[in-house]
Amino acid sequence: MSSGNKHAENFLLFLVVGGLVLAGVLYGLFLFWPYFVFFVLPLIIGSLIIGVILKFSVEPSIEGSAIDYKNLAVTFPVLILVVMVVFFVKSEQALVVDKKGARVGTYLEWPELNKAFNEHRASVYGNSPFDALKARAKVPVIYDRQDVGWIFLWCLSLGGPLFFWFLSRNDHERNEEIVLQKVNERTKATRERLSDKERDLSHIIATRTASLTNQISNLDQKLSAMTAENRILKAKVEFSPDIPRPPEAQKTNGVLDQDLF
């Protein structure tokens, strides 16, 4: 019995903890969904747009040219200037209060945008199962021109460069291919001349080698003939009786004159 009660208590505890975790997750989803739609989603879209703009700014204007990142030195200041002019120049936000200092309204530059944000926020919070969120739905939140400007500044400082890095991750390979292609184009004529010279040199070497080989062969034949003729002459001289010899040579008989028996 005690073991069964313990299992039941553990199961009940699991249900309670799981319910609390699920309630916390749902509360967080309902709480942050309006901010995701009006802050995070524009941040992602704006970062993608700025990343694409930065990527196109470094693309070469002439086909076949290498990617030039010096253009970023112009693109970034221009984008910052555009954001400052559109969202911050002469931007004013003011609270309207009564004589007692109580807030009775807010001066907004883009009231339609603020209205859309608060209506969406009130709709999400009002449809949530949490009383705390339903109570917060009645409290308006300012979402105006400057808030959008800060989103785009974050796009310029973080999101846009990250997307630009992702889009440019293979630029080094492309630059290497372009540089290699230019080197091949500029050295093509020189390499062709060197190749022609190499072929001519090989032909000359082969021709001279064949000529020298023939000359050496002819010299070898002449040397062999001269050697054979020299041997014949030596034999004639050695065995000729008409050629006078010194006394020592006359006493010594030749090999053919010896009596072998």
C-alpha atoms as a PDB file:
ATOM      1  CA  MET A   1       0.000   0.000   0.000  1.00  0.00           C
ATOM      2  CA  SER A   2       2.749   2.433   0.931  1.00  0.00           C
ATOM      3  CA  SER A   3       4.533   1.678  -2.370  1.00  0.00           C
ATOM      4  CA  GLY A   4       1.346   2.364  -4.323  1.00  0.00           C
ATOM      5  CA  ASN A   5       0.780   5.644  -2.472  1.00  0.00           C
ATOM      6  CA  LYS A   6       4.349   6.666  -3.164  1.00  0.00           C
ATOM      7  CA  HIS A   7       3.931   6.032  -6.890  1.00  0.00           C
ATOM      8  CA  ALA A   8       0.678   7.983  -6.880  1.00  0.00           C
ATOM      9  CA  GLU A   9       2.335  10.880  -5.054  1.00  0.00           C
ATOM     10  CA  ASN A  10       5.218  10.889  -7.550  1.00  0.00           C
ATOM     11  CA  PHE A  11       2.790  10.840 -10.463  1.00  0.00           C
ATOM     12  CA  LEU A  12       0.777  13.668  -8.922  1.00  0.00           C
ATOM     13  CA  LEU A  13       3.955  15.643  -8.323  1.00  0.00           C
ATOM     14  CA  PHE A  14       4.974  15.059 -11.934  1.00  0.00           C
ATOM     15  CA  LEU A  15       1.618  16.329 -13.143  1.00  0.00           C
ATOM     16  CA  VAL A  16       1.865  19.417 -10.944  1.00  0.00           C
ATOM     17  CA  VAL A  17       5.413  20.248 -12.026  1.00  0.00           C
ATOM     18  CA  GLY A  18       4.595  19.528 -15.671  1.00  0.00           C
ATOM     19  CA  GLY A  19       1.510  21.697 -15.451  1.00  0.00           C
ATOM     20  CA  LEU A  20       3.508  24.551 -13.935  1.00  0.00           C
ATOM     21  CA  VAL A  21       6.192  24.272 -16.621  1.00  0.00           C
ATOM     22  CA  LEU A  22       3.566  24.168 -19.374  1.00  0.00           C
ATOM     23  CA  ALA A  23       1.782  27.150 -17.838  1.00  0.00           C
ATOM     24  CA  GLY A  24       5.067  29.059 -17.679  1.00  0.00           C
ATOM     25  CA  VAL A  25       5.835  28.276 -21.326  1.00  0.00           C
ATOM     26  CA  LEU A  26       2.350  29.338 -22.413  1.00  0.00           C
ATOM     27  CA  TYR A  27       2.574  32.509 -20.329  1.00  0.00           C
ATOM     28  CA  GLY A  28       5.911  33.366 -21.938  1.00  0.00           C
ATOM     29  CA  LEU A  29       4.538  32.706 -25.424  1.00  0.00           C
ATOM     30  CA  PHE A  30       1.499  34.920 -24.892  1.00  0.00           C
ATOM     31  CA  LEU A  31       3.609  37.580 -23.190  1.00  0.00           C
ATOM     32  CA  PHE A  32       6.314  37.891 -25.837  1.00  0.00           C
ATOM     33  CA  TRP A  33       4.335  37.126 -28.992  1.00  0.00           C
ATOM     34  CA  PRO A  34       3.342  40.767 -29.729  1.00  0.00           C
ATOM     35  CA  TYR A  35       6.944  41.842 -29.191  1.00  0.00           C
ATOM     36  CA  PHE A  36       8.148  39.056 -31.470  1.00  0.00           C
ATOM     37  CA  VAL A  37       5.811  40.224 -34.227  1.00  0.00           C
ATOM     38  CA  PHE A  38       6.630  43.931 -33.896  1.00  0.00           C
ATOM     39  CA  PHE A  39      10.274  43.781 -32.752  1.00  0.00           C
ATOM     40  CA  VAL A  40      11.998  40.480 -33.532  1.00  0.00           C
ATOM     41  CA  LEU A  41      10.358  39.804 -36.892  1.00  0.00           C
ATOM     42  CA  PRO A  42      11.167  43.319 -38.242  1.00  0.00           C
ATOM     43  CA  LEU A  43      14.691  42.852 -36.887  1.00  0.00           C
ATOM     44  CA  ILE A  44      15.108  39.626 -38.890  1.00  0.00           C
ATOM     45  CA  ILE A  45      13.567  41.067 -42.060  1.00  0.00           C
ATOM     46  CA  GLY A  46      15.519  44.341 -41.765  1.00  0.00           C
ATOM     47  CA  SER A  47      18.771  42.449 -41.128  1.00  0.00           C
ATOM     48  CA  LEU A  48      18.180  40.326 -44.216  1.00  0.00           C
ATOM     49  CA  ILE A  49      17.498  43.424 -46.321  1.00  0.00           C
ATOM     50  CA  ILE A  50      20.595  45.221 -45.029  1.00  0.00           C
ATOM     51  CA  GLY A  51      22.706  42.078 -45.513  1.00  0.00           C
ATOM     52  CA  VAL A  52      21.571  41.863 -49.143  1.00  0.00           C
ATOM     53  CA  ILE A  53      22.285  45.583 -49.658  1.00  0.00           C
ATOM     54  CA  LEU A  54      25.795  45.170 -48.226  1.00  0.00           C
ATOM     55  CA  LYS A  55      26.370  42.103 -50.393  1.00  0.00           C
ATOM     56  CA  PHE A  56      25.312  43.901 -53.563  1.00  0.00           C
ATOM     57  CA  SER A  57      27.445  46.900 -52.650  1.00  0.00           C
ATOM     58  CA  VAL A  58      30.643  44.829 -52.805  1.00  0.00           C
ATOM     59  CA  GLU A  59      29.731  43.056 -56.035  1.00  0.00           C
ATOM     60  CA  PRO A  60      31.996  44.150 -58.916  1.00  0.00           C
ATOM     61  CA  SER A  61      30.446  46.517 -61.441  1.00  0.00           C
ATOM     62  CA  ILE A  62      32.493  44.920 -64.228  1.00  0.00           C
ATOM     63  CA  GLU A  63      31.907  41.249 -64.854  1.00  0.00           C
ATOM     64  CA  GLY A  64      34.952  39.170 -64.069  1.00  0.00           C
ATOM     65  CA  SER A  65      36.393  41.655 -61.569  1.00  0.00           C
ATOM     66  CA  ALA A  66      37.295  40.726 -58.001  1.00  0.00           C
ATOM     67  CA  ILE A  67      34.997  41.573 -55.085  1.00  0.00           C
ATOM     68  CA  ASP A  68      35.866  44.984 -53.622  1.00  0.00           C
ATOM     69  CA  TYR A  69      35.078  45.449 -49.930  1.00  0.00           C
ATOM     70  CA  LYS A  70      36.133  49.109 -49.958  1.00  0.00           C
ATOM     71  CA  ASN A  71      32.585  49.963 -51.004  1.00  0.00           C
ATOM     72  CA  LEU A  72      31.458  49.113 -47.458  1.00  0.00           C
ATOM     73  CA  ALA A  73      33.206  52.294 -46.288  1.00  0.00           C
ATOM     74  CA  VAL A  74      30.564  54.214 -48.257  1.00  0.00           C
ATOM     75  CA  THR A  75      27.560  51.901 -47.898  1.00  0.00           C
ATOM     76  CA  PHE A  76      27.549  51.782 -44.096  1.00  0.00           C
ATOM     77  CA  PRO A  77      27.598  55.562 -43.515  1.00  0.00           C
ATOM     78  CA  VAL A  78      24.876  56.024 -46.139  1.00  0.00           C
ATOM     79  CA  LEU A  79      22.630  53.433 -44.465  1.00  0.00           C
ATOM     80  CA  ILE A  80      23.207  54.987 -41.035  1.00  0.00           C
ATOM     81  CA  LEU A  81      22.399  58.426 -42.436  1.00  0.00           C
ATOM     82  CA  VAL A  82      19.174  57.114 -44.003  1.00  0.00           C
ATOM     83  CA  VAL A  83      18.086  55.511 -40.719  1.00  0.00           C
ATOM     84  CA  MET A  84      18.854  58.668 -38.736  1.00  0.00           C
ATOM     85  CA  VAL A  85      16.973  60.907 -41.175  1.00  0.00           C
ATOM     86  CA  VAL A  86      13.929  58.638 -41.473  1.00  0.00           C
ATOM     87  CA  PHE A  87      13.508  57.672 -37.826  1.00  0.00           C
ATOM     88  CA  PHE A  88      15.302  60.176 -35.583  1.00  0.00           C
ATOM     89  CA  VAL A  89      15.695  63.612 -37.183  1.00  0.00           C
ATOM     90  CA  LYS A  90      13.190  66.007 -35.593  1.00  0.00           C
ATOM     91  CA  SER A  91      11.637  63.105 -33.766  1.00  0.00           C
ATOM     92  CA  GLU A  92       9.547  64.065 -30.743  1.00  0.00           C
ATOM     93  CA  GLN A  93       7.731  62.035 -28.131  1.00  0.00           C
ATOM     94  CA  ALA A  94       5.789  63.768 -25.379  1.00  0.00           C
ATOM     95  CA  LEU A  95       3.337  62.877 -22.654  1.00  0.00           C
ATOM     96  CA  VAL A  96       0.190  64.968 -22.378  1.00  0.00           C
ATOM     97  CA  VAL A  97      -0.648  65.679 -18.722  1.00  0.00           C
ATOM     98  CA  ASP A  98      -3.325  67.666 -16.986  1.00  0.00           C
ATOM     99  CA  LYS A  99      -2.844  70.434 -14.455  1.00  0.00           C
ATOM    100  CA  LYS A 100      -2.349  67.897 -11.681  1.00  0.00           C
ATOM    101  CA  GLY A 101       0.421  66.163 -13.598  1.00  0.00           C
ATOM    102  CA  ALA A 102      -1.616  63.103 -14.407  1.00  0.00           C
ATOM    103  CA  ARG A 103      -1.025  61.558 -17.799  1.00  0.00           C
ATOM    104  CA  VAL A 104      -3.982  62.060 -20.101  1.00  0.00           C
ATOM    105  CA  GLY A 105      -2.386  61.156 -23.412  1.00  0.00           C
ATOM    106  CA  THR A 106       0.763  60.763 -25.492  1.00  0.00           C
ATOM    107  CA  TYR A 107       1.955  62.728 -28.480  1.00  0.00           C
ATOM    108  CA  LEU A 108       2.929  60.214 -31.167  1.00  0.00           C
ATOM    109  CA  GLU A 109       4.448  60.773 -34.577  1.00  0.00           C
ATOM    110  CA  TRP A 110       3.112  57.556 -36.101  1.00  0.00           C
ATOM    111  CA  PRO A 111      -0.150  56.983 -34.242  1.00  0.00           C
ATOM    112  CA  GLU A 112      -1.429  54.364 -36.693  1.00  0.00           C
ATOM    113  CA  LEU A 113       1.593  52.185 -36.043  1.00  0.00           C
ATOM    114  CA  ASN A 114       1.165  52.580 -32.292  1.00  0.00           C
ATOM    115  CA  LYS A 115      -2.527  51.719 -32.615  1.00  0.00           C
ATOM    116  CA  ALA A 116      -1.775  48.543 -34.618  1.00  0.00           C
ATOM    117  CA  PHE A 117       0.749  47.374 -32.033  1.00  0.00           C
ATOM    118  CA  ASN A 118      -1.535  47.977 -29.058  1.00  0.00           C
ATOM    119  CA  GLU A 119      -4.529  46.390 -30.755  1.00  0.00           C
ATOM    120  CA  HIS A 120      -2.530  43.266 -31.552  1.00  0.00           C
ATOM    121  CA  ARG A 121      -1.100  43.203 -28.031  1.00  0.00           C
ATOM    122  CA  ALA A 122      -4.528  43.650 -26.452  1.00  0.00           C
ATOM    123  CA  SER A 123      -5.973  40.900 -28.660  1.00  0.00           C
ATOM    124  CA  VAL A 124      -3.251  38.409 -27.743  1.00  0.00           C
ATOM    125  CA  TYR A 125      -3.311  39.212 -24.029  1.00  0.00           C
ATOM    126  CA  GLY A 126      -7.121  39.313 -23.934  1.00  0.00           C
ATOM    127  CA  ASN A 127      -7.410  35.850 -25.483  1.00  0.00           C
ATOM    128  CA  SER A 128      -4.864  34.334 -23.124  1.00  0.00           C
ATOM    129  CA  PRO A 129      -5.990  32.156 -20.197  1.00  0.00           C
ATOM    130  CA  PHE A 130      -4.053  34.312 -17.722  1.00  0.00           C
ATOM    131  CA  ASP A 131      -5.755  37.100 -15.757  1.00  0.00           C
ATOM    132  CA  ALA A 132      -2.463  38.957 -15.317  1.00  0.00           C
ATOM    133  CA  LEU A 133      -2.052  39.274 -19.087  1.00  0.00           C
ATOM    134  CA  LYS A 134      -5.705  40.307 -19.510  1.00  0.00           C
ATOM    135  CA  ALA A 135      -5.078  43.097 -17.018  1.00  0.00           C
ATOM    136  CA  ARG A 136      -1.930  44.202 -18.880  1.00  0.00           C
ATOM    137  CA  ALA A 137      -3.863  44.307 -22.135  1.00  0.00           C
ATOM    138  CA  LYS A 138      -5.648  47.438 -20.907  1.00  0.00           C
ATOM    139  CA  VAL A 139      -2.374  49.335 -20.361  1.00  0.00           C
ATOM    140  CA  PRO A 140      -1.158  50.914 -23.642  1.00  0.00           C
ATOM    141  CA  VAL A 141       2.497  50.705 -24.655  1.00  0.00           C
ATOM    142  CA  ILE A 142       4.283  53.247 -26.855  1.00  0.00           C
ATOM    143  CA  TYR A 143       5.468  51.874 -30.173  1.00  0.00           C
ATOM    144  CA  ASP A 144       6.408  54.756 -32.435  1.00  0.00           C
ATOM    145  CA  ARG A 145       8.877  56.090 -34.956  1.00  0.00           C
ATOM    146  CA  GLN A 146      11.934  55.985 -32.677  1.00  0.00           C
ATOM    147  CA  ASP A 147      11.273  52.357 -31.694  1.00  0.00           C
ATOM    148  CA  VAL A 148      11.369  51.320 -35.346  1.00  0.00           C
ATOM    149  CA  GLY A 149      14.540  53.386 -35.722  1.00  0.00           C
ATOM    150  CA  TRP A 150      16.220  51.490 -32.889  1.00  0.00           C
ATOM    151  CA  ILE A 151      15.251  48.205 -34.567  1.00  0.00           C
ATOM    152  CA  PHE A 152      16.985  49.306 -37.765  1.00  0.00           C
ATOM    153  CA  LEU A 153      20.037  50.452 -35.820  1.00  0.00           C
ATOM    154  CA  TRP A 154      20.259  46.941 -34.375  1.00  0.00           C
ATOM    155  CA  CYS A 155      19.923  45.635 -37.921  1.00  0.00           C
ATOM    156  CA  LEU A 156      22.872  47.781 -38.973  1.00  0.00           C
ATOM    157  CA  SER A 157      25.041  46.912 -36.003  1.00  0.00           C
ATOM    158  CA  LEU A 158      24.338  43.197 -35.630  1.00  0.00           C
ATOM    159  CA  GLY A 159      21.793  41.474 -37.862  1.00  0.00           C
ATOM    160  CA  GLY A 160      22.830  42.967 -41.199  1.00  0.00           C
ATOM    161  CA  PRO A 161      26.562  42.185 -40.790  1.00  0.00           C
ATOM    162  CA  LEU A 162      25.710  38.616 -39.736  1.00  0.00           C
ATOM    163  CA  PHE A 163      23.612  38.066 -42.851  1.00  0.00           C
ATOM    164  CA  PHE A 164      26.322  39.731 -44.949  1.00  0.00           C
ATOM    165  CA  TRP A 165      28.911  37.350 -43.480  1.00  0.00           C
ATOM    166  CA  PHE A 166      26.664  34.385 -44.289  1.00  0.00           C
ATOM    167  CA  LEU A 167      26.128  35.551 -47.879  1.00  0.00           C
ATOM    168  CA  SER A 168      29.864  36.235 -48.321  1.00  0.00           C
ATOM    169  CA  ARG A 169      31.185  33.011 -46.817  1.00  0.00           C
ATOM    170  CA  ASN A 170      32.434  31.723 -50.213  1.00  0.00           C
ATOM    171  CA  ASP A 171      33.764  35.018 -51.569  1.00  0.00           C
ATOM    172  CA  HIS A 172      37.403  34.025 -51.034  1.00  0.00           C
ATOM    173  CA  GLU A 173      37.001  31.046 -53.380  1.00  0.00           C
ATOM    174  CA  ARG A 174      35.370  33.276 -55.975  1.00  0.00           C
ATOM    175  CA  ASN A 175      38.180  35.842 -55.681  1.00  0.00           C
ATOM    176  CA  GLU A 176      40.782  33.097 -56.086  1.00  0.00           C
ATOM    177  CA  GLU A 177      39.063  31.856 -59.247  1.00  0.00           C
ATOM    178  CA  ILE A 178      38.860  35.390 -60.659  1.00  0.00           C
ATOM    179  CA  VAL A 179      42.530  36.135 -59.863  1.00  0.00           C
ATOM    180  CA  LEU A 180      43.616  32.806 -61.356  1.00  0.00           C
ATOM    181  CA  GLN A 181      41.578  33.511 -64.484  1.00  0.00           C
ATOM    182  CA  LYS A 182      43.139  36.978 -64.868  1.00  0.00           C
ATOM    183  CA  VAL A 183      46.629  35.545 -64.377  1.00  0.00           C
ATOM    184  CA  ASN A 184      45.955  32.922 -67.032  1.00  0.00           C
ATOM    185  CA  GLU A 185      44.613  35.541 -69.441  1.00  0.00           C
ATOM    186  CA  ARG A 186      47.538  37.928 -68.962  1.00  0.00           C
ATOM    187  CA  THR A 187      50.204  35.209 -69.182  1.00  0.00           C
ATOM    188  CA  LYS A 188      48.588  33.289 -72.040  1.00  0.00           C
ATOM    189  CA  ALA A 189      50.676  34.934 -74.789  1.00  0.00           C
ATOM    190  CA  THR A 190      53.889  34.567 -72.792  1.00  0.00           C
ATOM    191  CA  ARG A 191      53.182  30.919 -72.079  1.00  0.00           C
ATOM    192  CA  GLU A 192      52.422  30.274 -75.746  1.00  0.00           C
ATOM    193  CA  ARG A 193      55.717  31.917 -76.782  1.00  0.00           C
ATOM    194  CA  LEU A 194      57.614  29.866 -74.218  1.00  0.00           C
ATOM    195  CA  SER A 195      55.884  26.731 -75.430  1.00  0.00           C
ATOM    196  CA  ASP A 196      56.839  27.497 -79.047  1.00  0.00           C
ATOM    197  CA  LYS A 197      60.432  28.181 -78.016  1.00  0.00           C
ATOM    198  CA  GLU A 198      60.484  24.937 -76.045  1.00  0.00           C
ATOM    199  CA  ARG A 199      59.246  22.997 -79.076  1.00  0.00           C
ATOM    200  CA  ASP A 200      61.820  24.687 -81.340  1.00  0.00           C
ATOM    201  CA  LEU A 201      64.575  23.995 -78.826  1.00  0.00           C
ATOM    202  CA  SER A 202      63.538  20.366 -78.540  1.00  0.00           C
ATOM    203  CA  HIS A 203      63.570  20.048 -82.341  1.00  0.00           C
ATOM    204  CA  ILE A 204      67.021  21.648 -82.558  1.00  0.00           C
ATOM    205  CA  ILE A 205      68.374  19.384 -79.823  1.00  0.00           C
ATOM    206  CA  ALA A 206      66.915  16.306 -81.497  1.00  0.00           C
ATOM    207  CA  THR A 207      68.360  17.328 -84.893  1.00  0.00           C
ATOM    208  CA  ARG A 208      71.818  18.079 -83.480  1.00  0.00           C
ATOM    209  CA  THR A 209      71.781  14.874 -81.457  1.00  0.00           C
ATOM    210  CA  ALA A 210      70.961  12.796 -84.535  1.00  0.00           C
ATOM    211  CA  SER A 211      73.697  14.581 -86.514  1.00  0.00           C
ATOM    212  CA  LEU A 212      76.298  14.030 -83.789  1.00  0.00           C
ATOM    213  CA  THR A 213      75.237  10.406 -83.430  1.00  0.00           C
ATOM    214  CA  ASN A 214      75.793   9.859 -87.164  1.00  0.00           C
ATOM    215  CA  GLN A 215      79.183  11.567 -86.994  1.00  0.00           C
ATOM    216  CA  ILE A 216      80.235   9.460 -84.037  1.00  0.00           C
ATOM    217  CA  SER A 217      79.089   6.314 -85.859  1.00  0.00           C
ATOM    218  CA  ASN A 218      81.099   7.284 -88.941  1.00  0.00           C
ATOM    219  CA  LEU A 219      84.149   8.016 -86.799  1.00  0.00           C
ATOM    220  CA  ASP A 220      83.778   4.635 -85.106  1.00  0.00           C
ATOM    221  CA  GLN A 221      83.669   2.916 -88.501  1.00  0.00           C
ATOM    222  CA  LYS A 222      86.719   4.827 -89.701  1.00  0.00           C
ATOM    223  CA  LEU A 223      88.563   4.033 -86.487  1.00  0.00           C
ATOM    224  CA  SER A 224      87.747   0.341 -86.855  1.00  0.00           C
ATOM    225  CA  ALA A 225      88.960   0.368 -90.461  1.00  0.00           C
ATOM    226  CA  MET A 226      92.149   2.193 -89.510  1.00  0.00           C
ATOM    227  CA  THR A 227      92.777  -0.226 -86.658  1.00  0.00           C
ATOM    228  CA  ALA A 228      92.366  -3.220 -88.951  1.00  0.00           C
ATOM    229  CA  GLU A 229      94.648  -1.628 -91.556  1.00  0.00           C
ATOM    230  CA  ASN A 230      97.220  -0.837 -88.878  1.00  0.00           C
ATOM    231  CA  ARG A 231      97.278  -4.465 -87.752  1.00  0.00           C
ATOM    232  CA  ILE A 232      97.807  -5.645 -91.317  1.00  0.00           C
ATOM    233  CA  LEU A 233     100.679  -3.190 -91.809  1.00  0.00           C
ATOM    234  CA  LYS A 234     102.326  -4.260 -88.545  1.00  0.00           C
ATOM    235  CA  ALA A 235     102.119  -7.880 -89.601  1.00  0.00           C
ATOM    236  CA  LYS A 236     103.653  -7.087 -92.962  1.00  0.00           C
ATOM    237  CA  VAL A 237     106.446  -5.118 -91.355  1.00  0.00           C
ATOM    238  CA  GLU A 238     107.184  -7.811 -88.799  1.00  0.00           C
ATOM    239  CA  PHE A 239     107.475 -10.677 -91.267  1.00  0.00           C
ATOM    240  CA  SER A 240     108.852  -8.930 -94.344  1.00  0.00           C
ATOM    241  CA  PRO A 241     112.492 -10.101 -95.191  1.00  0.00           C
ATOM    242  CA  ASP A 242     113.243  -6.952 -97.162  1.00  0.00           C
ATOM    243  CA  ILE A 243     113.076  -4.658 -94.185  1.00  0.00           C
ATOM    244  CA  PRO A 244     116.493  -4.236 -92.451  1.00  0.00           C
ATOM    245  CA  ARG A 245     116.598  -4.994 -88.729  1.00  0.00           C
ATOM    246  CA  PRO A 246     119.180  -4.223 -86.015  1.00  0.00           C
ATOM    247  CA  PRO A 247     121.493  -7.038 -84.997  1.00  0.00           C
ATOM    248  CA  GLU A 248     119.577  -7.783 -81.832  1.00  0.00           C
ATOM    249  CA  ALA A 249     116.380  -8.127 -83.794  1.00  0.00           C
ATOM    250  CA  GLN A 250     118.080 -10.439 -86.360  1.00  0.00           C
ATOM    251  CA  LYS A 251     119.151 -12.904 -83.665  1.00  0.00           C
ATOM    252  CA  THR A 252     115.670 -13.129 -82.259  1.00  0.00           C
ATOM    253  CA  ASN A 253     113.378 -15.259 -84.297  1.00  0.00           C
ATOM    254  CA  GLY A 254     109.733 -14.498 -84.615  1.00  0.00           C
ATOM    255  CA  VAL A 255     107.052 -16.669 -83.287  1.00  0.00           C
ATOM    256  CA  LEU A 256     106.416 -18.173 -86.662  1.00  0.00           C
ATOM    257  CA  ASP A 257     110.142 -18.918 -87.192  1.00  0.00           C
ATOM    258  CA  GLN A 258     110.484 -21.012 -84.034  1.00  0.00           C
ATOM    259  CA  ASP A 259     110.752 -24.743 -84.404  1.00  0.00           C
ATOM    260  CA  LEU A 260     107.997 -26.055 -82.281  1.00  0.00           C
ATOM    261  CA  PHE A 261     109.209 -29.611 -82.692  1.00  0.00           C
END
